[in-house]
Amino acid sequence: MNAPANLAKSLKLIKVGNSTGVILPKDVLAKLGVEAGDSLDLSDVPGGITITRHDDGFAAQMEAAREVMKRRRNALRELAK
């Protein structure tokens, strides 16, 4: 999936202590609805990654789903047949 033309940007990686960072332009931060200090989520998708604003409610739901899948692995495996 290609990014819309208005968000197609080349970003440079920078050294931040022992880590590597990237500076997001103001228009990208506005599109995400975030500001300095907010959290972002990275997700693997076919062909790359997506960056989205962190959603505590969604994160809690996903953790609950992972716990159910872990505890009910056999039942889910049977249902998948």
N, C-alpha and C. Protein backbone atom coordinates (compact mmCIF):
# COMPACT_ATOMS: atom_id res chain seq x y z
N MET A 1 0.85 -1.17 0.00
CA MET A 1 0.00 0.00 0.00
C MET A 1 0.89 1.23 0.00
N ASN A 2 0.70 2.13 -0.92
CA ASN A 2 1.50 3.34 -1.00
C ASN A 2 0.89 4.43 -0.15
N ALA A 3 1.74 5.26 0.44
CA ALA A 3 1.28 6.39 1.23
C ALA A 3 0.69 7.44 0.30
N PRO A 4 -0.30 8.19 0.77
CA PRO A 4 -0.81 9.28 -0.05
C PRO A 4 0.33 10.23 -0.40
N ALA A 5 0.24 10.85 -1.57
CA ALA A 5 1.32 11.71 -2.06
C ALA A 5 1.69 12.80 -1.06
N ASN A 6 0.70 13.35 -0.33
CA ASN A 6 1.02 14.43 0.60
C ASN A 6 1.76 13.94 1.84
N LEU A 7 1.84 12.64 2.09
CA LEU A 7 2.60 12.13 3.22
C LEU A 7 3.83 11.34 2.79
N ALA A 8 4.12 11.28 1.51
CA ALA A 8 5.31 10.58 1.04
C ALA A 8 6.52 11.43 1.39
N LYS A 9 7.26 11.01 2.39
CA LYS A 9 8.39 11.78 2.87
C LYS A 9 9.57 10.86 3.10
N SER A 10 10.75 11.41 2.93
CA SER A 10 11.97 10.70 3.25
C SER A 10 12.46 11.24 4.59
N LEU A 11 12.59 10.36 5.57
CA LEU A 11 13.02 10.78 6.90
C LEU A 11 14.40 10.21 7.19
N LYS A 12 15.21 10.99 7.86
CA LYS A 12 16.57 10.58 8.18
C LYS A 12 16.63 10.04 9.61
N LEU A 13 17.32 8.94 9.80
CA LEU A 13 17.55 8.39 11.13
C LEU A 13 18.66 9.17 11.80
N ILE A 14 18.50 9.42 13.10
CA ILE A 14 19.51 10.17 13.84
C ILE A 14 19.93 9.38 15.08
N LYS A 15 21.13 9.60 15.53
CA LYS A 15 21.66 8.96 16.72
C LYS A 15 21.12 9.70 17.94
N VAL A 16 20.56 8.95 18.91
CA VAL A 16 20.05 9.51 20.15
C VAL A 16 20.64 8.67 21.28
N GLY A 17 21.77 9.09 21.82
CA GLY A 17 22.45 8.28 22.83
C GLY A 17 22.88 6.96 22.22
N ASN A 18 22.47 5.85 22.84
CA ASN A 18 22.77 4.52 22.32
C ASN A 18 21.68 3.99 21.41
N SER A 19 20.71 4.83 21.09
CA SER A 19 19.58 4.42 20.26
C SER A 19 19.59 5.18 18.94
N THR A 20 18.58 4.90 18.13
CA THR A 20 18.38 5.60 16.87
C THR A 20 16.96 6.15 16.86
N GLY A 21 16.81 7.38 16.40
CA GLY A 21 15.50 8.01 16.37
C GLY A 21 15.20 8.58 15.00
N VAL A 22 13.98 9.05 14.87
CA VAL A 22 13.54 9.71 13.65
C VAL A 22 12.69 10.91 14.07
N ILE A 23 12.85 12.01 13.39
CA ILE A 23 12.05 13.20 13.68
C ILE A 23 10.87 13.20 12.72
N LEU A 24 9.65 13.24 13.29
CA LEU A 24 8.44 13.27 12.48
C LEU A 24 8.03 14.72 12.25
N PRO A 25 7.77 15.08 11.01
CA PRO A 25 7.34 16.45 10.70
C PRO A 25 6.00 16.80 11.36
N LYS A 26 5.76 18.10 11.54
CA LYS A 26 4.54 18.56 12.20
C LYS A 26 3.28 18.04 11.53
N ASP A 27 3.26 17.97 10.19
CA ASP A 27 2.04 17.51 9.52
C ASP A 27 1.78 16.03 9.79
N VAL A 28 2.83 15.24 9.97
CA VAL A 28 2.65 13.83 10.30
C VAL A 28 2.12 13.69 11.72
N LEU A 29 2.69 14.46 12.65
CA LEU A 29 2.20 14.44 14.04
C LEU A 29 0.74 14.85 14.10
N ALA A 30 0.37 15.86 13.31
CA ALA A 30 -1.03 16.31 13.28
C ALA A 30 -1.93 15.21 12.72
N LYS A 31 -1.48 14.53 11.66
CA LYS A 31 -2.27 13.45 11.06
C LYS A 31 -2.50 12.32 12.06
N LEU A 32 -1.46 12.02 12.88
CA LEU A 32 -1.57 10.98 13.90
C LEU A 32 -2.35 11.46 15.12
N GLY A 33 -2.47 12.76 15.29
CA GLY A 33 -3.14 13.32 16.45
C GLY A 33 -2.32 13.17 17.72
N VAL A 34 -0.99 13.32 17.60
CA VAL A 34 -0.10 13.17 18.75
C VAL A 34 0.79 14.40 18.89
N GLU A 35 1.40 14.49 20.06
CA GLU A 35 2.38 15.54 20.32
C GLU A 35 3.50 14.95 21.16
N ALA A 36 4.54 15.74 21.40
CA ALA A 36 5.69 15.27 22.16
C ALA A 36 5.23 14.68 23.50
N GLY A 37 5.75 13.50 23.83
CA GLY A 37 5.40 12.82 25.07
C GLY A 37 4.33 11.75 24.91
N ASP A 38 3.56 11.78 23.81
CA ASP A 38 2.55 10.76 23.56
C ASP A 38 3.23 9.46 23.13
N SER A 39 2.48 8.37 23.19
CA SER A 39 2.99 7.06 22.78
C SER A 39 2.43 6.67 21.42
N LEU A 40 3.24 5.95 20.66
CA LEU A 40 2.84 5.43 19.36
C LEU A 40 2.94 3.91 19.37
N ASP A 41 2.16 3.26 18.52
CA ASP A 41 2.23 1.81 18.35
C ASP A 41 2.73 1.52 16.94
N LEU A 42 3.63 0.55 16.82
CA LEU A 42 4.12 0.07 15.53
C LEU A 42 3.52 -1.30 15.30
N SER A 43 3.04 -1.56 14.09
CA SER A 43 2.46 -2.85 13.74
C SER A 43 3.07 -3.34 12.44
N ASP A 44 3.37 -4.65 12.40
CA ASP A 44 3.82 -5.27 11.15
C ASP A 44 2.63 -5.43 10.22
N VAL A 45 2.80 -5.02 8.98
CA VAL A 45 1.80 -5.22 7.94
C VAL A 45 2.52 -5.71 6.70
N PRO A 46 1.82 -6.36 5.79
CA PRO A 46 2.50 -6.80 4.56
C PRO A 46 3.16 -5.60 3.87
N GLY A 47 4.42 -5.72 3.61
CA GLY A 47 5.13 -4.67 2.91
C GLY A 47 5.73 -3.58 3.79
N GLY A 48 5.60 -3.68 5.12
CA GLY A 48 6.20 -2.65 5.96
C GLY A 48 5.63 -2.62 7.36
N ILE A 49 5.49 -1.42 7.89
CA ILE A 49 4.93 -1.21 9.22
C ILE A 49 3.93 -0.07 9.17
N THR A 50 3.08 -0.01 10.18
CA THR A 50 2.20 1.14 10.35
C THR A 50 2.52 1.78 11.69
N ILE A 51 2.33 3.08 11.77
CA ILE A 51 2.49 3.83 13.01
C ILE A 51 1.14 4.43 13.33
N THR A 52 0.64 4.16 14.54
CA THR A 52 -0.64 4.71 14.96
C THR A 52 -0.51 5.27 16.37
N ARG A 53 -1.42 6.15 16.71
CA ARG A 53 -1.47 6.69 18.08
C ARG A 53 -1.81 5.54 19.03
N HIS A 54 -1.15 5.49 20.17
CA HIS A 54 -1.42 4.45 21.15
C HIS A 54 -2.82 4.61 21.72
N ASP A 55 -3.53 3.50 21.83
CA ASP A 55 -4.89 3.49 22.37
C ASP A 55 -4.89 2.52 23.54
N ASP A 56 -4.94 3.05 24.78
CA ASP A 56 -4.90 2.20 25.97
C ASP A 56 -6.02 1.17 26.00
N GLY A 57 -7.21 1.56 25.57
CA GLY A 57 -8.35 0.64 25.56
C GLY A 57 -8.10 -0.53 24.62
N PHE A 58 -7.62 -0.23 23.41
CA PHE A 58 -7.34 -1.29 22.44
C PHE A 58 -6.21 -2.17 22.94
N ALA A 59 -5.17 -1.58 23.52
CA ALA A 59 -4.04 -2.35 24.04
C ALA A 59 -4.52 -3.33 25.13
N ALA A 60 -5.42 -2.88 25.99
CA ALA A 60 -5.95 -3.75 27.04
C ALA A 60 -6.78 -4.89 26.44
N GLN A 61 -7.56 -4.58 25.41
CA GLN A 61 -8.36 -5.62 24.75
C GLN A 61 -7.46 -6.66 24.10
N MET A 62 -6.39 -6.21 23.45
CA MET A 62 -5.46 -7.15 22.81
C MET A 62 -4.76 -8.03 23.84
N GLU A 63 -4.40 -7.46 24.97
CA GLU A 63 -3.75 -8.26 26.02
C GLU A 63 -4.72 -9.31 26.55
N ALA A 64 -5.98 -8.95 26.74
CA ALA A 64 -6.99 -9.91 27.18
C ALA A 64 -7.17 -11.01 26.14
N ALA A 65 -7.19 -10.64 24.87
CA ALA A 65 -7.33 -11.64 23.79
C ALA A 65 -6.14 -12.58 23.77
N ARG A 66 -4.93 -12.05 23.94
CA ARG A 66 -3.73 -12.91 23.97
C ARG A 66 -3.79 -13.90 25.13
N GLU A 67 -4.27 -13.44 26.28
CA GLU A 67 -4.38 -14.32 27.45
C GLU A 67 -5.38 -15.44 27.20
N VAL A 68 -6.53 -15.11 26.61
CA VAL A 68 -7.54 -16.13 26.29
C VAL A 68 -6.96 -17.12 25.28
N MET A 69 -6.29 -16.61 24.25
CA MET A 69 -5.71 -17.51 23.23
C MET A 69 -4.67 -18.43 23.84
N LYS A 70 -3.92 -17.91 24.80
CA LYS A 70 -2.89 -18.73 25.45
C LYS A 70 -3.54 -19.83 26.30
N ARG A 71 -4.57 -19.46 27.08
CA ARG A 71 -5.23 -20.44 27.95
C ARG A 71 -6.09 -21.43 27.18
N ARG A 72 -6.67 -21.02 26.08
CA ARG A 72 -7.61 -21.86 25.32
C ARG A 72 -7.04 -22.29 23.97
N ARG A 73 -5.73 -22.47 23.92
CA ARG A 73 -5.06 -22.82 22.66
C ARG A 73 -5.66 -24.07 22.02
N ASN A 74 -5.87 -25.13 22.80
CA ASN A 74 -6.39 -26.39 22.24
C ASN A 74 -7.81 -26.21 21.69
N ALA A 75 -8.66 -25.54 22.42
CA ALA A 75 -10.03 -25.31 21.97
C ALA A 75 -10.04 -24.49 20.68
N LEU A 76 -9.21 -23.46 20.62
CA LEU A 76 -9.14 -22.63 19.41
C LEU A 76 -8.59 -23.42 18.23
N ARG A 77 -7.65 -24.30 18.49
CA ARG A 77 -7.10 -25.14 17.43
C ARG A 77 -8.19 -26.06 16.86
N GLU A 78 -9.00 -26.63 17.73
CA GLU A 78 -10.09 -27.50 17.28
C GLU A 78 -11.13 -26.71 16.50
N LEU A 79 -11.44 -25.52 16.94
CA LEU A 79 -12.42 -24.68 16.24
C LEU A 79 -11.91 -24.27 14.85
N ALA A 80 -10.61 -24.17 14.70
CA ALA A 80 -10.03 -23.76 13.43
C ALA A 80 -10.08 -24.86 12.37
N LYS A 81 -10.33 -26.10 12.78
CA LYS A 81 -10.34 -27.22 11.82
C LYS A 81 -11.55 -27.19 10.93
